[in-house]
């Protein structure tokens, strides 16, 4: 049986979502709770500026330190998004030197998040 290139490129979206969620859950389970709290505070401060930002901006501004592993960022941004603090803004080249300019999501404060001051 021969598989066409188009058929080989099909990704099961349910399996992809499941794998992503498992990865996020694993990263969250291994994230230092003090760093996670620091990160949530930093995200909330950045959100009040109503300007697009990414993880590197939080570190550059001194709002949060680097995590032990870069996978720890994702669950923190996801939690802030679920909490109504931030919204996806788009994508941009990452400012982090360790990821060689790969694309990453940018975030912006959510109007629905209300006044965090």
PDB file of N, CA and C in Angstrom:
ATOM      1  N   UNK A   1       0.844  -1.171   0.000  1.00  0.00           N
ATOM      2  CA  UNK A   1       0.000   0.000   0.000  1.00  0.00           C
ATOM      3  C   UNK A   1       0.890   1.235   0.000  1.00  0.00           C
ATOM      4  N   UNK A   2       0.585   2.185  -0.872  1.00  0.00           N
ATOM      5  CA  UNK A   2       1.350   3.411  -0.999  1.00  0.00           C
ATOM      6  C   UNK A   2       0.566   4.552  -0.376  1.00  0.00           C
ATOM      7  N   UNK A   3       1.259   5.388   0.357  1.00  0.00           N
ATOM      8  CA  UNK A   3       0.631   6.548   0.976  1.00  0.00           C
ATOM      9  C   UNK A   3       1.081   7.789   0.237  1.00  0.00           C
ATOM     10  N   UNK A   4       0.133   8.625  -0.128  1.00  0.00           N
ATOM     11  CA  UNK A   4       0.472   9.866  -0.816  1.00  0.00           C
ATOM     12  C   UNK A   4       1.123  10.838   0.166  1.00  0.00           C
ATOM     13  N   UNK A   5       1.937  11.771  -0.326  1.00  0.00           N
ATOM     14  CA  UNK A   5       2.552  12.760   0.569  1.00  0.00           C
ATOM     15  C   UNK A   5       1.511  13.579   1.328  1.00  0.00           C
ATOM     16  N   UNK A   6       0.377  13.850   0.685  1.00  0.00           N
ATOM     17  CA  UNK A   6      -0.674  14.614   1.353  1.00  0.00           C
ATOM     18  C   UNK A   6      -1.240  13.843   2.536  1.00  0.00           C
ATOM     19  N   UNK A   7      -1.451  12.537   2.376  1.00  0.00           N
ATOM     20  CA  UNK A   7      -1.998  11.725   3.452  1.00  0.00           C
ATOM     21  C   UNK A   7      -1.010  11.603   4.597  1.00  0.00           C
ATOM     22  N   UNK A   8       0.261  11.525   4.286  1.00  0.00           N
ATOM     23  CA  UNK A   8       1.283  11.391   5.317  1.00  0.00           C
ATOM     24  C   UNK A   8       1.394  12.669   6.152  1.00  0.00           C
ATOM     25  N   UNK A   9       1.017  13.811   5.588  1.00  0.00           N
ATOM     26  CA  UNK A   9       1.159  15.088   6.277  1.00  0.00           C
ATOM     27  C   UNK A   9      -0.038  15.416   7.165  1.00  0.00           C
ATOM     28  N   UNK A  10      -1.086  14.612   7.134  1.00  0.00           N
ATOM     29  CA  UNK A  10      -2.276  14.884   7.923  1.00  0.00           C
ATOM     30  C   UNK A  10      -1.984  14.608   9.399  1.00  0.00           C
ATOM     31  N   UNK A  11      -2.350  15.567  10.227  1.00  0.00           N
ATOM     32  CA  UNK A  11      -2.166  15.439  11.660  1.00  0.00           C
ATOM     33  C   UNK A  11      -3.538  15.334  12.304  1.00  0.00           C
ATOM     34  N   UNK A  12      -3.686  14.385  13.178  1.00  0.00           N
ATOM     35  CA  UNK A  12      -4.933  14.229  13.917  1.00  0.00           C
ATOM     36  C   UNK A  12      -5.027  15.385  14.918  1.00  0.00           C
ATOM     37  N   UNK A  13      -5.961  16.317  14.731  1.00  0.00           N
ATOM     38  CA  UNK A  13      -6.021  17.481  15.617  1.00  0.00           C
ATOM     39  C   UNK A  13      -6.319  17.118  17.073  1.00  0.00           C
ATOM     40  N   UNK A  14      -7.085  16.076  17.293  1.00  0.00           N
ATOM     41  CA  UNK A  14      -7.388  15.663  18.668  1.00  0.00           C
ATOM     42  C   UNK A  14      -6.117  15.137  19.335  1.00  0.00           C
ATOM     43  N   UNK A  15      -5.356  14.314  18.607  1.00  0.00           N
ATOM     44  CA  UNK A  15      -4.103  13.794  19.152  1.00  0.00           C
ATOM     45  C   UNK A  15      -3.110  14.924  19.395  1.00  0.00           C
ATOM     46  N   UNK A  16      -3.074  15.902  18.491  1.00  0.00           N
ATOM     47  CA  UNK A  16      -2.166  17.040  18.656  1.00  0.00           C
ATOM     48  C   UNK A  16      -2.542  17.851  19.885  1.00  0.00           C
ATOM     49  N   UNK A  17      -3.829  18.117  20.064  1.00  0.00           N
ATOM     50  CA  UNK A  17      -4.282  18.865  21.239  1.00  0.00           C
ATOM     51  C   UNK A  17      -3.985  18.104  22.526  1.00  0.00           C
ATOM     52  N   UNK A  18      -4.191  16.795  22.498  1.00  0.00           N
ATOM     53  CA  UNK A  18      -3.917  15.963  23.669  1.00  0.00           C
ATOM     54  C   UNK A  18      -2.435  15.989  24.018  1.00  0.00           C
ATOM     55  N   UNK A  19      -1.582  15.847  23.009  1.00  0.00           N
ATOM     56  CA  UNK A  19      -0.132  15.869  23.248  1.00  0.00           C
ATOM     57  C   UNK A  19       0.307  17.231  23.783  1.00  0.00           C
ATOM     58  N   UNK A  20      -0.249  18.306  23.222  1.00  0.00           N
ATOM     59  CA  UNK A  20       0.102  19.637  23.704  1.00  0.00           C
ATOM     60  C   UNK A  20      -0.311  19.803  25.158  1.00  0.00           C
ATOM     61  N   UNK A  21      -1.515  19.390  25.492  1.00  0.00           N
ATOM     62  CA  UNK A  21      -1.992  19.533  26.867  1.00  0.00           C
ATOM     63  C   UNK A  21      -1.162  18.691  27.827  1.00  0.00           C
ATOM     64  N   UNK A  22      -0.772  17.488  27.414  1.00  0.00           N
ATOM     65  CA  UNK A  22       0.079  16.655  28.265  1.00  0.00           C
ATOM     66  C   UNK A  22       1.421  17.322  28.518  1.00  0.00           C
ATOM     67  N   UNK A  23       1.982  17.936  27.482  1.00  0.00           N
ATOM     68  CA  UNK A  23       3.240  18.649  27.641  1.00  0.00           C
ATOM     69  C   UNK A  23       3.111  19.845  28.576  1.00  0.00           C
ATOM     70  N   UNK A  24       2.030  20.591  28.423  1.00  0.00           N
ATOM     71  CA  UNK A  24       1.794  21.745  29.291  1.00  0.00           C
ATOM     72  C   UNK A  24       1.592  21.294  30.745  1.00  0.00           C
ATOM     73  N   UNK A  25       0.836  20.219  30.933  1.00  0.00           N
ATOM     74  CA  UNK A  25       0.604  19.695  32.281  1.00  0.00           C
ATOM     75  C   UNK A  25       1.911  19.234  32.917  1.00  0.00           C
ATOM     76  N   UNK A  26       2.755  18.562  32.140  1.00  0.00           N
ATOM     77  CA  UNK A  26       4.041  18.087  32.638  1.00  0.00           C
ATOM     78  C   UNK A  26       4.936  19.266  33.012  1.00  0.00           C
ATOM     79  N   UNK A  27       4.981  20.281  32.161  1.00  0.00           N
ATOM     80  CA  UNK A  27       5.795  21.462  32.454  1.00  0.00           C
ATOM     81  C   UNK A  27       5.287  22.166  33.712  1.00  0.00           C
ATOM     82  N   UNK A  28       3.979  22.307  33.833  1.00  0.00           N
ATOM     83  CA  UNK A  28       3.402  22.970  35.001  1.00  0.00           C
ATOM     84  C   UNK A  28       3.697  22.191  36.283  1.00  0.00           C
ATOM     85  N   UNK A  29       3.646  20.883  36.203  1.00  0.00           N
ATOM     86  CA  UNK A  29       3.899  20.045  37.382  1.00  0.00           C
ATOM     87  C   UNK A  29       5.339  20.158  37.870  1.00  0.00           C
ATOM     88  N   UNK A  30       6.244  20.522  36.982  1.00  0.00           N
ATOM     89  CA  UNK A  30       7.658  20.613  37.343  1.00  0.00           C
ATOM     90  C   UNK A  30       8.155  22.053  37.458  1.00  0.00           C
ATOM     91  N   UNK A  31       7.232  22.992  37.535  1.00  0.00           N
ATOM     92  CA  UNK A  31       7.587  24.401  37.666  1.00  0.00           C
ATOM     93  C   UNK A  31       7.646  24.777  39.136  1.00  0.00           C
ATOM     94  N   UNK A  32       8.708  25.467  39.515  1.00  0.00           N
ATOM     95  CA  UNK A  32       8.863  25.954  40.873  1.00  0.00           C
ATOM     96  C   UNK A  32       7.706  26.902  41.200  1.00  0.00           C
ATOM     97  N   UNK A  33       7.016  26.671  42.306  1.00  0.00           N
ATOM     98  CA  UNK A  33       5.830  27.468  42.626  1.00  0.00           C
ATOM     99  C   UNK A  33       6.170  28.932  42.911  1.00  0.00           C
ATOM    100  N   UNK A  34       7.341  29.194  43.490  1.00  0.00           N
ATOM    101  CA  UNK A  34       7.740  30.586  43.741  1.00  0.00           C
ATOM    102  C   UNK A  34       7.980  31.311  42.414  1.00  0.00           C
ATOM    103  N   UNK A  35       8.625  30.619  41.457  1.00  0.00           N
ATOM    104  CA  UNK A  35       8.839  31.237  40.153  1.00  0.00           C
ATOM    105  C   UNK A  35       7.499  31.477  39.457  1.00  0.00           C
ATOM    106  N   UNK A  36       6.578  30.511  39.557  1.00  0.00           N
ATOM    107  CA  UNK A  36       5.266  30.657  38.918  1.00  0.00           C
ATOM    108  C   UNK A  36       4.530  31.878  39.470  1.00  0.00           C
ATOM    109  N   UNK A  37       4.598  32.090  40.777  1.00  0.00           N
ATOM    110  CA  UNK A  37       3.950  33.255  41.386  1.00  0.00           C
ATOM    111  C   UNK A  37       4.614  34.544  40.908  1.00  0.00           C
ATOM    112  N   UNK A  38       5.952  34.548  40.846  1.00  0.00           N
ATOM    113  CA  UNK A  38       6.697  35.700  40.341  1.00  0.00           C
ATOM    114  C   UNK A  38       6.295  35.987  38.888  1.00  0.00           C
ATOM    115  N   UNK A  39       6.161  34.935  38.106  1.00  0.00           N
ATOM    116  CA  UNK A  39       5.804  35.078  36.699  1.00  0.00           C
ATOM    117  C   UNK A  39       4.399  35.656  36.544  1.00  0.00           C
ATOM    118  N   UNK A  40       3.449  35.166  37.321  1.00  0.00           N
ATOM    119  CA  UNK A  40       2.083  35.685  37.239  1.00  0.00           C
ATOM    120  C   UNK A  40       2.028  37.169  37.594  1.00  0.00           C
ATOM    121  N   UNK A  41       2.808  37.577  38.589  1.00  0.00           N
ATOM    122  CA  UNK A  41       2.861  38.997  38.951  1.00  0.00           C
ATOM    123  C   UNK A  41       3.469  39.812  37.810  1.00  0.00           C
ATOM    124  N   UNK A  42       4.537  39.297  37.207  1.00  0.00           N
ATOM    125  CA  UNK A  42       5.178  39.989  36.094  1.00  0.00           C
ATOM    126  C   UNK A  42       4.260  40.125  34.896  1.00  0.00           C
ATOM    127  N   UNK A  43       3.535  39.062  34.583  1.00  0.00           N
ATOM    128  CA  UNK A  43       2.576  39.107  33.471  1.00  0.00           C
ATOM    129  C   UNK A  43       1.497  40.148  33.757  1.00  0.00           C
ATOM    130  N   UNK A  44       1.010  40.176  34.988  1.00  0.00           N
ATOM    131  CA  UNK A  44      -0.043  41.134  35.344  1.00  0.00           C
ATOM    132  C   UNK A  44       0.446  42.572  35.202  1.00  0.00           C
ATOM    133  N   UNK A  45       1.689  42.835  35.618  1.00  0.00           N
ATOM    134  CA  UNK A  45       2.242  44.182  35.479  1.00  0.00           C
ATOM    135  C   UNK A  45       2.372  44.544  34.000  1.00  0.00           C
ATOM    136  N   UNK A  46       2.929  43.644  33.212  1.00  0.00           N
ATOM    137  CA  UNK A  46       3.090  43.911  31.772  1.00  0.00           C
ATOM    138  C   UNK A  46       1.733  44.113  31.102  1.00  0.00           C
ATOM    139  N   UNK A  47       0.737  43.391  31.537  1.00  0.00           N
ATOM    140  CA  UNK A  47      -0.597  43.501  30.943  1.00  0.00           C
ATOM    141  C   UNK A  47      -1.183  44.897  31.134  1.00  0.00           C
ATOM    142  N   UNK A  48      -0.863  45.545  32.243  1.00  0.00           N
ATOM    143  CA  UNK A  48      -1.433  46.871  32.501  1.00  0.00           C
ATOM    144  C   UNK A  48      -0.923  47.916  31.517  1.00  0.00           C
ATOM    145  N   UNK A  49       0.216  47.645  30.869  1.00  0.00           N
ATOM    146  CA  UNK A  49       0.771  48.601  29.911  1.00  0.00           C
ATOM    147  C   UNK A  49       0.017  48.611  28.588  1.00  0.00           C
ATOM    148  N   UNK A  50      -0.759  47.554  28.328  1.00  0.00           N
ATOM    149  CA  UNK A  50      -1.531  47.424  27.102  1.00  0.00           C
ATOM    150  C   UNK A  50      -0.651  47.533  25.853  1.00  0.00           C
ATOM    151  N   UNK A  51       0.556  46.978  25.950  1.00  0.00           N
ATOM    152  CA  UNK A  51       1.493  46.885  24.831  1.00  0.00           C
ATOM    153  C   UNK A  51       1.818  45.421  24.601  1.00  0.00           C
ATOM    154  N   UNK A  52       2.069  45.014  23.359  1.00  0.00           N
ATOM    155  CA  UNK A  52       2.428  43.609  23.103  1.00  0.00           C
ATOM    156  C   UNK A  52       3.721  43.239  23.826  1.00  0.00           C
ATOM    157  N   UNK A  53       3.771  42.015  24.350  1.00  0.00           N
ATOM    158  CA  UNK A  53       4.977  41.541  25.020  1.00  0.00           C
ATOM    159  C   UNK A  53       5.110  40.035  24.875  1.00  0.00           C
ATOM    160  N   UNK A  54       6.312  39.557  25.146  1.00  0.00           N
ATOM    161  CA  UNK A  54       6.624  38.130  25.136  1.00  0.00           C
ATOM    162  C   UNK A  54       7.489  37.850  26.363  1.00  0.00           C
ATOM    163  N   UNK A  55       7.825  36.605  26.587  1.00  0.00           N
ATOM    164  CA  UNK A  55       8.577  36.212  27.774  1.00  0.00           C
ATOM    165  C   UNK A  55       9.865  37.005  27.934  1.00  0.00           C
ATOM    166  N   UNK A  56      10.604  37.192  26.865  1.00  0.00           N
ATOM    167  CA  UNK A  56      11.881  37.907  26.950  1.00  0.00           C
ATOM    168  C   UNK A  56      11.700  39.334  27.450  1.00  0.00           C
ATOM    169  N   UNK A  57      10.579  39.949  27.139  1.00  0.00           N
ATOM    170  CA  UNK A  57      10.320  41.305  27.611  1.00  0.00           C
ATOM    171  C   UNK A  57      10.146  41.335  29.130  1.00  0.00           C
ATOM    172  N   UNK A  58       9.526  40.303  29.678  1.00  0.00           N
ATOM    173  CA  UNK A  58       9.343  40.235  31.126  1.00  0.00           C
ATOM    174  C   UNK A  58      10.689  40.133  31.833  1.00  0.00           C
ATOM    175  N   UNK A  59      11.588  39.327  31.273  1.00  0.00           N
ATOM    176  CA  UNK A  59      12.923  39.158  31.852  1.00  0.00           C
ATOM    177  C   UNK A  59      13.719  40.449  31.706  1.00  0.00           C
ATOM    178  N   UNK A  60      13.679  41.052  30.515  1.00  0.00           N
ATOM    179  CA  UNK A  60      14.438  42.286  30.258  1.00  0.00           C
ATOM    180  C   UNK A  60      13.988  43.423  31.173  1.00  0.00           C
ATOM    181  N   UNK A  61      12.718  43.462  31.505  1.00  0.00           N
ATOM    182  CA  UNK A  61      12.185  44.513  32.374  1.00  0.00           C
ATOM    183  C   UNK A  61      12.415  44.213  33.854  1.00  0.00           C
ATOM    184  N   UNK A  62      12.965  43.051  34.151  1.00  0.00           N
ATOM    185  CA  UNK A  62      13.206  42.676  35.540  1.00  0.00           C
ATOM    186  C   UNK A  62      11.951  42.265  36.283  1.00  0.00           C
ATOM    187  N   UNK A  63      10.899  41.915  35.552  1.00  0.00           N
ATOM    188  CA  UNK A  63       9.642  41.514  36.185  1.00  0.00           C
ATOM    189  C   UNK A  63       9.642  40.060  36.631  1.00  0.00           C
ATOM    190  N   UNK A  64      10.488  39.254  36.003  1.00  0.00           N
ATOM    191  CA  UNK A  64      10.573  37.835  36.345  1.00  0.00           C
ATOM    192  C   UNK A  64      11.952  37.327  35.919  1.00  0.00           C
ATOM    193  N   UNK A  65      12.449  36.341  36.624  1.00  0.00           N
ATOM    194  CA  UNK A  65      13.719  35.722  36.257  1.00  0.00           C
ATOM    195  C   UNK A  65      13.467  34.612  35.240  1.00  0.00           C
ATOM    196  N   UNK A  66      14.523  34.122  34.638  1.00  0.00           N
ATOM    197  CA  UNK A  66      14.386  32.993  33.716  1.00  0.00           C
ATOM    198  C   UNK A  66      13.977  31.751  34.505  1.00  0.00           C
ATOM    199  N   UNK A  67      13.103  30.932  33.949  1.00  0.00           N
ATOM    200  CA  UNK A  67      12.745  29.675  34.631  1.00  0.00           C
ATOM    201  C   UNK A  67      13.868  28.653  34.480  1.00  0.00           C
ATOM    202  N   UNK A  68      13.757  27.569  35.231  1.00  0.00           N
ATOM    203  CA  UNK A  68      14.755  26.492  35.108  1.00  0.00           C
ATOM    204  C   UNK A  68      14.735  25.890  33.713  1.00  0.00           C
ATOM    205  N   UNK A  69      13.579  25.864  33.088  1.00  0.00           N
ATOM    206  CA  UNK A  69      13.443  25.309  31.734  1.00  0.00           C
ATOM    207  C   UNK A  69      12.496  26.213  30.949  1.00  0.00           C
ATOM    208  N   UNK A  70      12.790  26.460  29.670  1.00  0.00           N
ATOM    209  CA  UNK A  70      11.930  27.363  28.892  1.00  0.00           C
ATOM    210  C   UNK A  70      10.497  26.855  28.714  1.00  0.00           C
ATOM    211  N   UNK A  71      10.257  25.569  28.864  1.00  0.00           N
ATOM    212  CA  UNK A  71       8.891  25.050  28.748  1.00  0.00           C
ATOM    213  C   UNK A  71       7.985  25.519  29.883  1.00  0.00           C
ATOM    214  N   UNK A  72       8.563  26.102  30.918  1.00  0.00           N
ATOM    215  CA  UNK A  72       7.744  26.565  32.034  1.00  0.00           C
ATOM    216  C   UNK A  72       6.969  27.839  31.704  1.00  0.00           C
ATOM    217  N   UNK A  73       7.378  28.550  30.652  1.00  0.00           N
ATOM    218  CA  UNK A  73       6.656  29.764  30.265  1.00  0.00           C
ATOM    219  C   UNK A  73       5.232  29.471  29.801  1.00  0.00           C
ATOM    220  N   UNK A  74       5.069  28.472  28.953  1.00  0.00           N
ATOM    221  CA  UNK A  74       3.776  28.197  28.327  1.00  0.00           C
ATOM    222  C   UNK A  74       2.616  28.082  29.298  1.00  0.00           C
ATOM    223  N   UNK A  75       2.748  27.244  30.328  1.00  0.00           N
ATOM    224  CA  UNK A  75       1.635  27.129  31.274  1.00  0.00           C
ATOM    225  C   UNK A  75       1.318  28.439  32.004  1.00  0.00           C
ATOM    226  N   UNK A  76       2.328  29.275  32.198  1.00  0.00           N
ATOM    227  CA  UNK A  76       2.082  30.547  32.884  1.00  0.00           C
ATOM    228  C   UNK A  76       1.285  31.508  32.010  1.00  0.00           C
ATOM    229  N   UNK A  77       1.661  31.595  30.738  1.00  0.00           N
ATOM    230  CA  UNK A  77       0.889  32.446  29.833  1.00  0.00           C
ATOM    231  C   UNK A  77      -0.520  31.886  29.651  1.00  0.00           C
ATOM    232  N   UNK A  78      -0.642  30.564  29.568  1.00  0.00           N
ATOM    233  CA  UNK A  78      -1.960  29.941  29.418  1.00  0.00           C
ATOM    234  C   UNK A  78      -2.838  30.242  30.634  1.00  0.00           C
ATOM    235  N   UNK A  79      -2.271  30.173  31.828  1.00  0.00           N
ATOM    236  CA  UNK A  79      -3.040  30.453  33.045  1.00  0.00           C
ATOM    237  C   UNK A  79      -3.483  31.916  33.083  1.00  0.00           C
ATOM    238  N   UNK A  80      -2.588  32.823  32.705  1.00  0.00           N
ATOM    239  CA  UNK A  80      -2.954  34.245  32.685  1.00  0.00           C
ATOM    240  C   UNK A  80      -4.041  34.513  31.640  1.00  0.00           C
ATOM    241  N   UNK A  81      -3.958  33.803  30.527  1.00  0.00           N
ATOM    242  CA  UNK A  81      -4.993  33.943  29.496  1.00  0.00           C
ATOM    243  C   UNK A  81      -6.329  33.417  30.003  1.00  0.00           C
ATOM    244  N   UNK A  82      -6.326  32.221  30.590  1.00  0.00           N
ATOM    245  CA  UNK A  82      -7.569  31.668  31.144  1.00  0.00           C
ATOM    246  C   UNK A  82      -8.158  32.578  32.215  1.00  0.00           C
ATOM    247  N   UNK A  83      -7.285  33.260  32.955  1.00  0.00           N
ATOM    248  CA  UNK A  83      -7.733  34.163  34.008  1.00  0.00           C
ATOM    249  C   UNK A  83      -8.196  35.523  33.510  1.00  0.00           C
ATOM    250  N   UNK A  84      -8.125  35.745  32.203  1.00  0.00           N
ATOM    251  CA  UNK A  84      -8.599  36.995  31.637  1.00  0.00           C
ATOM    252  C   UNK A  84      -7.627  38.156  31.766  1.00  0.00           C
ATOM    253  N   UNK A  85      -6.369  37.870  32.122  1.00  0.00           N
ATOM    254  CA  UNK A  85      -5.379  38.925  32.298  1.00  0.00           C
ATOM    255  C   UNK A  85      -4.792  39.358  30.961  1.00  0.00           C
ATOM    256  N   UNK A  86      -4.555  38.399  30.067  1.00  0.00           N
ATOM    257  CA  UNK A  86      -3.936  38.675  28.771  1.00  0.00           C
ATOM    258  C   UNK A  86      -4.707  38.001  27.652  1.00  0.00           C
ATOM    259  N   UNK A  87      -4.470  38.494  26.443  1.00  0.00           N
ATOM    260  CA  UNK A  87      -5.039  37.921  25.226  1.00  0.00           C
ATOM    261  C   UNK A  87      -3.908  37.727  24.218  1.00  0.00           C
ATOM    262  N   UNK A  88      -4.030  36.731  23.342  1.00  0.00           N
ATOM    263  CA  UNK A  88      -3.034  36.617  22.273  1.00  0.00           C
ATOM    264  C   UNK A  88      -3.067  37.878  21.409  1.00  0.00           C
ATOM    265  N   UNK A  89      -1.898  38.350  21.013  1.00  0.00           N
ATOM    266  CA  UNK A  89      -1.818  39.545  20.185  1.00  0.00           C
ATOM    267  C   UNK A  89      -1.326  39.224  18.786  1.00  0.00           C
ATOM    268  N   UNK A  90      -0.531  38.188  18.639  1.00  0.00           N
ATOM    269  CA  UNK A  90       0.032  37.817  17.345  1.00  0.00           C
ATOM    270  C   UNK A  90       1.272  36.975  17.546  1.00  0.00           C
ATOM    271  N   UNK A  91       2.129  36.986  16.561  1.00  0.00           N
ATOM    272  CA  UNK A  91       3.401  36.283  16.669  1.00  0.00           C
ATOM    273  C   UNK A  91       4.517  37.239  16.243  1.00  0.00           C
ATOM    274  N   UNK A  92       5.684  36.977  16.782  1.00  0.00           N
ATOM    275  CA  UNK A  92       6.868  37.770  16.450  1.00  0.00           C
ATOM    276  C   UNK A  92       8.090  36.891  16.629  1.00  0.00           C
ATOM    277  N   UNK A  93       9.202  37.325  16.094  1.00  0.00           N
ATOM    278  CA  UNK A  93      10.442  36.611  16.335  1.00  0.00           C
ATOM    279  C   UNK A  93      10.778  36.729  17.815  1.00  0.00           C
ATOM    280  N   UNK A  94      11.165  35.619  18.392  1.00  0.00           N
ATOM    281  CA  UNK A  94      11.534  35.624  19.797  1.00  0.00           C
ATOM    282  C   UNK A  94      12.772  36.478  20.011  1.00  0.00           C
ATOM    283  N   UNK A  95      12.783  37.192  21.107  1.00  0.00           N
ATOM    284  CA  UNK A  95      13.930  38.017  21.471  1.00  0.00           C
ATOM    285  C   UNK A  95      14.952  37.223  22.286  1.00  0.00           C
ATOM    286  N   UNK A  96      14.631  35.969  22.605  1.00  0.00           N
ATOM    287  CA  UNK A  96      15.522  35.137  23.402  1.00  0.00           C
ATOM    288  C   UNK A  96      16.633  34.582  22.519  1.00  0.00           C
ATOM    289  N   UNK A  97      17.861  34.784  22.925  1.00  0.00           N
ATOM    290  CA  UNK A  97      19.017  34.330  22.148  1.00  0.00           C
ATOM    291  C   UNK A  97      19.065  32.807  22.023  1.00  0.00           C
ATOM    292  N   UNK A  98      18.530  32.111  22.999  1.00  0.00           N
ATOM    293  CA  UNK A  98      18.631  30.648  23.015  1.00  0.00           C
ATOM    294  C   UNK A  98      17.721  29.954  22.014  1.00  0.00           C
ATOM    295  N   UNK A  99      16.784  30.670  21.426  1.00  0.00           N
ATOM    296  CA  UNK A  99      15.864  30.026  20.482  1.00  0.00           C
ATOM    297  C   UNK A  99      16.083  30.469  19.041  1.00  0.00           C
ATOM    298  N   UNK A 100      17.130  31.199  18.806  1.00  0.00           N
ATOM    299  CA  UNK A 100      17.570  31.556  17.465  1.00  0.00           C
ATOM    300  C   UNK A 100      16.477  32.194  16.607  1.00  0.00           C
ATOM    301  N   UNK A 101      15.783  33.168  17.145  1.00  0.00           N
ATOM    302  CA  UNK A 101      14.780  33.944  16.409  1.00  0.00           C
ATOM    303  C   UNK A 101      13.571  33.143  15.934  1.00  0.00           C
ATOM    304  N   UNK A 102      13.240  32.070  16.620  1.00  0.00           N
ATOM    305  CA  UNK A 102      12.036  31.339  16.232  1.00  0.00           C
ATOM    306  C   UNK A 102      10.818  32.214  16.524  1.00  0.00           C
ATOM    307  N   UNK A 103       9.696  31.858  15.933  1.00  0.00           N
ATOM    308  CA  UNK A 103       8.473  32.615  16.170  1.00  0.00           C
ATOM    309  C   UNK A 103       7.885  32.255  17.527  1.00  0.00           C
ATOM    310  N   UNK A 104       7.329  33.237  18.189  1.00  0.00           N
ATOM    311  CA  UNK A 104       6.644  32.983  19.451  1.00  0.00           C
ATOM    312  C   UNK A 104       5.419  33.889  19.524  1.00  0.00           C
ATOM    313  N   UNK A 105       4.497  33.493  20.344  1.00  0.00           N
ATOM    314  CA  UNK A 105       3.270  34.272  20.528  1.00  0.00           C
ATOM    315  C   UNK A 105       3.582  35.539  21.306  1.00  0.00           C
ATOM    316  N   UNK A 106       2.921  36.609  20.926  1.00  0.00           N
ATOM    317  CA  UNK A 106       2.972  37.832  21.722  1.00  0.00           C
ATOM    318  C   UNK A 106       1.620  37.995  22.403  1.00  0.00           C
ATOM    319  N   UNK A 107       1.636  38.668  23.522  1.00  0.00           N
ATOM    320  CA  UNK A 107       0.453  38.837  24.362  1.00  0.00           C
ATOM    321  C   UNK A 107       0.218  40.310  24.606  1.00  0.00           C
ATOM    322  N   UNK A 108      -1.001  40.644  24.989  1.00  0.00           N
ATOM    323  CA  UNK A 108      -1.342  42.010  25.349  1.00  0.00           C
ATOM    324  C   UNK A 108      -2.360  41.942  26.481  1.00  0.00           C
ATOM    325  N   UNK A 109      -2.385  42.976  27.308  1.00  0.00           N
ATOM    326  CA  UNK A 109      -3.340  42.999  28.399  1.00  0.00           C
ATOM    327  C   UNK A 109      -4.765  42.910  27.895  1.00  0.00           C
ATOM    328  N   UNK A 110      -5.591  42.241  28.657  1.00  0.00           N
ATOM    329  CA  UNK A 110      -6.993  42.063  28.293  1.00  0.00           C
ATOM    330  C   UNK A 110      -7.848  43.143  28.913  1.00  0.00           C
ATOM    331  N   UNK A 111      -8.674  43.762  28.121  1.00  0.00           N
ATOM    332  CA  UNK A 111      -9.610  44.752  28.630  1.00  0.00           C
ATOM    333  C   UNK A 111     -10.554  44.083  29.622  1.00  0.00           C
ATOM    334  N   UNK A 112     -10.887  42.820  29.350  1.00  0.00           N
ATOM    335  CA  UNK A 112     -11.780  42.073  30.241  1.00  0.00           C
ATOM    336  C   UNK A 112     -11.131  41.824  31.600  1.00  0.00           C
ATOM    337  N   UNK A 113      -9.784  41.843  31.642  1.00  0.00           N
ATOM    338  CA  UNK A 113      -9.064  41.593  32.887  1.00  0.00           C
ATOM    339  C   UNK A 113      -9.282  42.682  33.921  1.00  0.00           C
ATOM    340  N   UNK A 114      -9.756  43.827  33.460  1.00  0.00           N
ATOM    341  CA  UNK A 114     -10.056  44.918  34.377  1.00  0.00           C
ATOM    342  C   UNK A 114      -8.799  45.573  34.925  1.00  0.00           C
ATOM    343  N   UNK A 115      -8.962  46.395  35.906  1.00  0.00           N
ATOM    344  CA  UNK A 115      -7.863  47.145  36.509  1.00  0.00           C
ATOM    345  C   UNK A 115      -7.138  46.217  37.476  1.00  0.00           C
ATOM    346  N   UNK A 116      -5.837  45.999  37.214  1.00  0.00           N
ATOM    347  CA  UNK A 116      -5.051  45.134  38.094  1.00  0.00           C
ATOM    348  C   UNK A 116      -4.245  45.949  39.098  1.00  0.00           C
ATOM    349  N   UNK A 117      -4.406  47.271  39.093  1.00  0.00           N
ATOM    350  CA  UNK A 117      -3.639  48.117  40.024  1.00  0.00           C
ATOM    351  C   UNK A 117      -4.282  48.148  41.387  1.00  0.00           C
TER     352      UNK A 117
END
